[in-house]
Structures are given as C-alpha cells and as structure tokens.
PDB file of N, CA and C in Angstrom:
ATOM      1  N   MET A   1       0.799   0.863  33.156  1.00  0.00           N
ATOM      2  CA  MET A   1       1.914   0.220  32.489  1.00  0.00           C
ATOM      3  C   MET A   1       1.412  -0.807  31.465  1.00  0.00           C
ATOM      4  N   ARG A   2       0.383  -1.531  31.847  1.00  0.00           N
ATOM      5  CA  ARG A   2      -0.155  -2.553  30.949  1.00  0.00           C
ATOM      6  C   ARG A   2      -0.781  -1.909  29.709  1.00  0.00           C
ATOM      7  N   ASN A   3      -1.448  -0.782  29.888  1.00  0.00           N
ATOM      8  CA  ASN A   3      -2.053  -0.087  28.752  1.00  0.00           C
ATOM      9  C   ASN A   3      -1.004   0.409  27.768  1.00  0.00           C
ATOM     10  N   ILE A   4       0.098   0.887  28.281  1.00  0.00           N
ATOM     11  CA  ILE A   4       1.184   1.356  27.413  1.00  0.00           C
ATOM     12  C   ILE A   4       1.756   0.202  26.613  1.00  0.00           C
ATOM     13  N   LEU A   5       1.955  -0.937  27.269  1.00  0.00           N
ATOM     14  CA  LEU A   5       2.481  -2.117  26.575  1.00  0.00           C
ATOM     15  C   LEU A   5       1.534  -2.572  25.478  1.00  0.00           C
ATOM     16  N   MET A   6       0.254  -2.613  25.756  1.00  0.00           N
ATOM     17  CA  MET A   6      -0.729  -3.019  24.752  1.00  0.00           C
ATOM     18  C   MET A   6      -0.753  -2.041  23.577  1.00  0.00           C
ATOM     19  N   THR A   7      -0.640  -0.761  23.864  1.00  0.00           N
ATOM     20  CA  THR A   7      -0.620   0.245  22.804  1.00  0.00           C
ATOM     21  C   THR A   7       0.605   0.090  21.924  1.00  0.00           C
ATOM     22  N   VAL A   8       1.752  -0.110  22.522  1.00  0.00           N
ATOM     23  CA  VAL A   8       2.985  -0.281  21.757  1.00  0.00           C
ATOM     24  C   VAL A   8       2.919  -1.547  20.915  1.00  0.00           C
ATOM     25  N   MET A   9       2.411  -2.623  21.478  1.00  0.00           N
ATOM     26  CA  MET A   9       2.297  -3.871  20.718  1.00  0.00           C
ATOM     27  C   MET A   9       1.325  -3.716  19.557  1.00  0.00           C
ATOM     28  N   LEU A  10       0.228  -3.003  19.765  1.00  0.00           N
ATOM     29  CA  LEU A  10      -0.727  -2.759  18.695  1.00  0.00           C
ATOM     30  C   LEU A  10      -0.105  -1.927  17.580  1.00  0.00           C
ATOM     31  N   LEU A  11       0.664  -0.923  17.942  1.00  0.00           N
ATOM     32  CA  LEU A  11       1.343  -0.105  16.926  1.00  0.00           C
ATOM     33  C   LEU A  11       2.348  -0.927  16.129  1.00  0.00           C
ATOM     34  N   VAL A  12       3.060  -1.814  16.790  1.00  0.00           N
ATOM     35  CA  VAL A  12       4.013  -2.679  16.081  1.00  0.00           C
ATOM     36  C   VAL A  12       3.282  -3.585  15.100  1.00  0.00           C
ATOM     37  N   VAL A  13       2.167  -4.141  15.515  1.00  0.00           N
ATOM     38  CA  VAL A  13       1.389  -5.001  14.620  1.00  0.00           C
ATOM     39  C   VAL A  13       0.881  -4.213  13.423  1.00  0.00           C
ATOM     40  N   VAL A  14       0.405  -3.005  13.642  1.00  0.00           N
ATOM     41  CA  VAL A  14      -0.093  -2.175  12.539  1.00  0.00           C
ATOM     42  C   VAL A  14       1.037  -1.845  11.566  1.00  0.00           C
ATOM     43  N   ILE A  15       2.202  -1.536  12.063  1.00  0.00           N
ATOM     44  CA  ILE A  15       3.344  -1.222  11.198  1.00  0.00           C
ATOM     45  C   ILE A  15       3.754  -2.437  10.381  1.00  0.00           C
ATOM     46  N   VAL A  16       3.796  -3.587  11.009  1.00  0.00           N
ATOM     47  CA  VAL A  16       4.167  -4.812  10.289  1.00  0.00           C
ATOM     48  C   VAL A  16       3.138  -5.143   9.220  1.00  0.00           C
ATOM     49  N   LEU A  17       1.861  -5.030   9.553  1.00  0.00           N
ATOM     50  CA  LEU A  17       0.821  -5.291   8.561  1.00  0.00           C
ATOM     51  C   LEU A  17       0.889  -4.307   7.401  1.00  0.00           C
ATOM     52  N   PHE A  18       1.130  -3.046   7.696  1.00  0.00           N
ATOM     53  CA  PHE A  18       1.261  -2.047   6.631  1.00  0.00           C
ATOM     54  C   PHE A  18       2.400  -2.398   5.696  1.00  0.00           C
ATOM     55  N   ASN A  19       3.544  -2.774   6.270  1.00  0.00           N
ATOM     56  CA  ASN A  19       4.701  -3.101   5.441  1.00  0.00           C
ATOM     57  C   ASN A  19       4.490  -4.360   4.613  1.00  0.00           C
ATOM     58  N   THR A  20       3.785  -5.346   5.137  1.00  0.00           N
ATOM     59  CA  THR A  20       3.605  -6.585   4.380  1.00  0.00           C
ATOM     60  C   THR A  20       2.476  -6.504   3.367  1.00  0.00           C
ATOM     61  N   ILE A  21       1.446  -5.715   3.642  1.00  0.00           N
ATOM     62  CA  ILE A  21       0.298  -5.674   2.736  1.00  0.00           C
ATOM     63  C   ILE A  21       0.405  -4.540   1.722  1.00  0.00           C
ATOM     64  N   ILE A  22       0.750  -3.362   2.166  1.00  0.00           N
ATOM     65  CA  ILE A  22       0.670  -2.180   1.306  1.00  0.00           C
ATOM     66  C   ILE A  22       2.001  -1.830   0.663  1.00  0.00           C
ATOM     67  N   ALA A  23       3.075  -1.862   1.412  1.00  0.00           N
ATOM     68  CA  ALA A  23       4.319  -1.264   0.942  1.00  0.00           C
ATOM     69  C   ALA A  23       5.291  -2.231   0.285  1.00  0.00           C
ATOM     70  N   GLN A  24       4.906  -3.475  -0.003  1.00  0.00           N
ATOM     71  CA  GLN A  24       5.833  -4.381  -0.674  1.00  0.00           C
ATOM     72  C   GLN A  24       6.109  -3.895  -2.082  1.00  0.00           C
ATOM     73  N   ASP A  25       7.309  -4.184  -2.579  1.00  0.00           N
ATOM     74  CA  ASP A  25       7.749  -3.628  -3.849  1.00  0.00           C
ATOM     75  C   ASP A  25       6.954  -4.153  -5.044  1.00  0.00           C
ATOM     76  N   ASN A  26       6.797  -5.460  -5.171  1.00  0.00           N
ATOM     77  CA  ASN A  26       6.194  -6.013  -6.380  1.00  0.00           C
ATOM     78  C   ASN A  26       4.748  -6.439  -6.210  1.00  0.00           C
ATOM     79  N   THR A  27       4.366  -6.884  -5.033  1.00  0.00           N
ATOM     80  CA  THR A  27       3.025  -7.429  -4.862  1.00  0.00           C
ATOM     81  C   THR A  27       2.165  -6.614  -3.919  1.00  0.00           C
ATOM     82  N   GLY A  28       2.651  -5.502  -3.445  1.00  0.00           N
ATOM     83  CA  GLY A  28       1.880  -4.697  -2.503  1.00  0.00           C
ATOM     84  C   GLY A  28       0.781  -3.914  -3.185  1.00  0.00           C
ATOM     85  N   THR A  29      -0.119  -3.411  -2.387  1.00  0.00           N
ATOM     86  CA  THR A  29      -1.247  -2.648  -2.906  1.00  0.00           C
ATOM     87  C   THR A  29      -0.777  -1.389  -3.624  1.00  0.00           C
ATOM     88  N   ARG A  30       0.262  -0.746  -3.095  1.00  0.00           N
ATOM     89  CA  ARG A  30       0.769   0.481  -3.713  1.00  0.00           C
ATOM     90  C   ARG A  30       1.249   0.224  -5.142  1.00  0.00           C
ATOM     91  N   SER A  31       1.994  -0.857  -5.360  1.00  0.00           N
ATOM     92  CA  SER A  31       2.506  -1.140  -6.706  1.00  0.00           C
ATOM     93  C   SER A  31       1.380  -1.533  -7.645  1.00  0.00           C
ATOM     94  N   GLN A  32       0.363  -2.229  -7.140  1.00  0.00           N
ATOM     95  CA  GLN A  32      -0.772  -2.589  -7.986  1.00  0.00           C
ATOM     96  C   GLN A  32      -1.555  -1.349  -8.397  1.00  0.00           C
ATOM     97  N   ILE A  33      -1.737  -0.415  -7.486  1.00  0.00           N
ATOM     98  CA  ILE A  33      -2.431   0.831  -7.821  1.00  0.00           C
ATOM     99  C   ILE A  33      -1.628   1.627  -8.845  1.00  0.00           C
ATOM    100  N   GLN A  34      -0.315   1.674  -8.681  1.00  0.00           N
ATOM    101  CA  GLN A  34       0.524   2.402  -9.638  1.00  0.00           C
ATOM    102  C   GLN A  34       0.463   1.771 -11.019  1.00  0.00           C
ATOM    103  N   SER A  35       0.512   0.446 -11.093  1.00  0.00           N
ATOM    104  CA  SER A  35       0.475  -0.205 -12.403  1.00  0.00           C
ATOM    105  C   SER A  35      -0.887  -0.006 -13.069  1.00  0.00           C
ATOM    106  N   GLN A  36      -1.968  -0.073 -12.299  1.00  0.00           N
ATOM    107  CA  GLN A  36      -3.287   0.163 -12.877  1.00  0.00           C
ATOM    108  C   GLN A  36      -3.446   1.618 -13.314  1.00  0.00           C
ATOM    109  N   GLY A  37      -2.889   2.544 -12.551  1.00  0.00           N
ATOM    110  CA  GLY A  37      -2.939   3.958 -12.931  1.00  0.00           C
ATOM    111  C   GLY A  37      -2.155   4.233 -14.201  1.00  0.00           C
ATOM    112  N   THR A  38      -0.990   3.606 -14.324  1.00  0.00           N
ATOM    113  CA  THR A  38      -0.187   3.757 -15.537  1.00  0.00           C
ATOM    114  C   THR A  38      -0.927   3.197 -16.741  1.00  0.00           C
ATOM    115  N   SER A  39      -1.557   2.047 -16.555  1.00  0.00           N
ATOM    116  CA  SER A  39      -2.332   1.452 -17.642  1.00  0.00           C
ATOM    117  C   SER A  39      -3.497   2.349 -18.043  1.00  0.00           C
ATOM    118  N   ALA A  40      -4.194   2.911 -17.064  1.00  0.00           N
ATOM    119  CA  ALA A  40      -5.314   3.803 -17.364  1.00  0.00           C
ATOM    120  C   ALA A  40      -4.830   5.062 -18.072  1.00  0.00           C
ATOM    121  N   ASN A  41      -3.704   5.618 -17.648  1.00  0.00           N
ATOM    122  CA  ASN A  41      -3.161   6.807 -18.309  1.00  0.00           C
ATOM    123  C   ASN A  41      -2.779   6.513 -19.746  1.00  0.00           C
ATOM    124  N   THR A  42      -2.231   5.351 -19.989  1.00  0.00           N
ATOM    125  CA  THR A  42      -1.869   4.969 -21.353  1.00  0.00           C
ATOM    126  C   THR A  42      -3.105   4.851 -22.228  1.00  0.00           C
ATOM    127  N   ARG A  43      -4.143   4.209 -21.713  1.00  0.00           N
ATOM    128  CA  ARG A  43      -5.380   4.071 -22.484  1.00  0.00           C
ATOM    129  C   ARG A  43      -6.027   5.419 -22.756  1.00  0.00           C
ATOM    130  N   ILE A  44      -6.036   6.294 -21.771  1.00  0.00           N
ATOM    131  CA  ILE A  44      -6.622   7.634 -21.962  1.00  0.00           C
ATOM    132  C   ILE A  44      -5.812   8.412 -22.995  1.00  0.00           C
ATOM    133  N   GLY A  45      -4.494   8.268 -22.937  1.00  0.00           N
ATOM    134  CA  GLY A  45      -3.648   8.954 -23.919  1.00  0.00           C
ATOM    135  C   GLY A  45      -3.883   8.456 -25.331  1.00  0.00           C
ATOM    136  N   GLN A  46      -4.226   7.192 -25.473  1.00  0.00           N
ATOM    137  CA  GLN A  46      -4.499   6.657 -26.809  1.00  0.00           C
ATOM    138  C   GLN A  46      -5.854   7.102 -27.354  1.00  0.00           C
ATOM    139  N   LEU A  47      -6.771   7.502 -26.480  1.00  0.00           N
ATOM    140  CA  LEU A  47      -8.082   7.950 -26.933  1.00  0.00           C
ATOM    141  C   LEU A  47      -8.035   9.338 -27.559  1.00  0.00           C
ATOM    142  N   LEU A  48      -7.127  10.175 -27.114  1.00  0.00           N
ATOM    143  CA  LEU A  48      -7.060  11.535 -27.649  1.00  0.00           C
ATOM    144  C   LEU A  48      -6.471  11.523 -29.041  1.00  0.00           C
ATOM    145  N   PRO A  49      -7.051  12.296 -29.958  1.00  0.00           N
ATOM    146  CA  PRO A  49      -6.541  12.307 -31.345  1.00  0.00           C
ATOM    147  C   PRO A  49      -5.222  13.028 -31.480  1.00  0.00           C
TER     148      PRO A  49
END
C-alpha cells in the first residue's frame, strides 16, 4: 500500500512539474522552442534566392 501511494505521489509531482516547466503558454520550454524554430525557418527562407 505504501509503495502505491509513493508511486502515485511521484506521478503527481512529475505531472505538475511538466505543466509548470514545459507546457506553459508564454514562458514554457515548448513555446521557446517554437519561437526559435520559427525564427530559424524565417532566416533560412531569407537565404534562398
């Protein structure tokens, strides 16, 4: 029973950390990667004649 409780609590912590670090709308890692990818695509598009 104790192992199940610890596992569930660990999963909750992982989900909360994922939502606060990666999946935030404006400051999360996902949005930063998307903005950098868009910037790189724009620069690459400008290099082609």
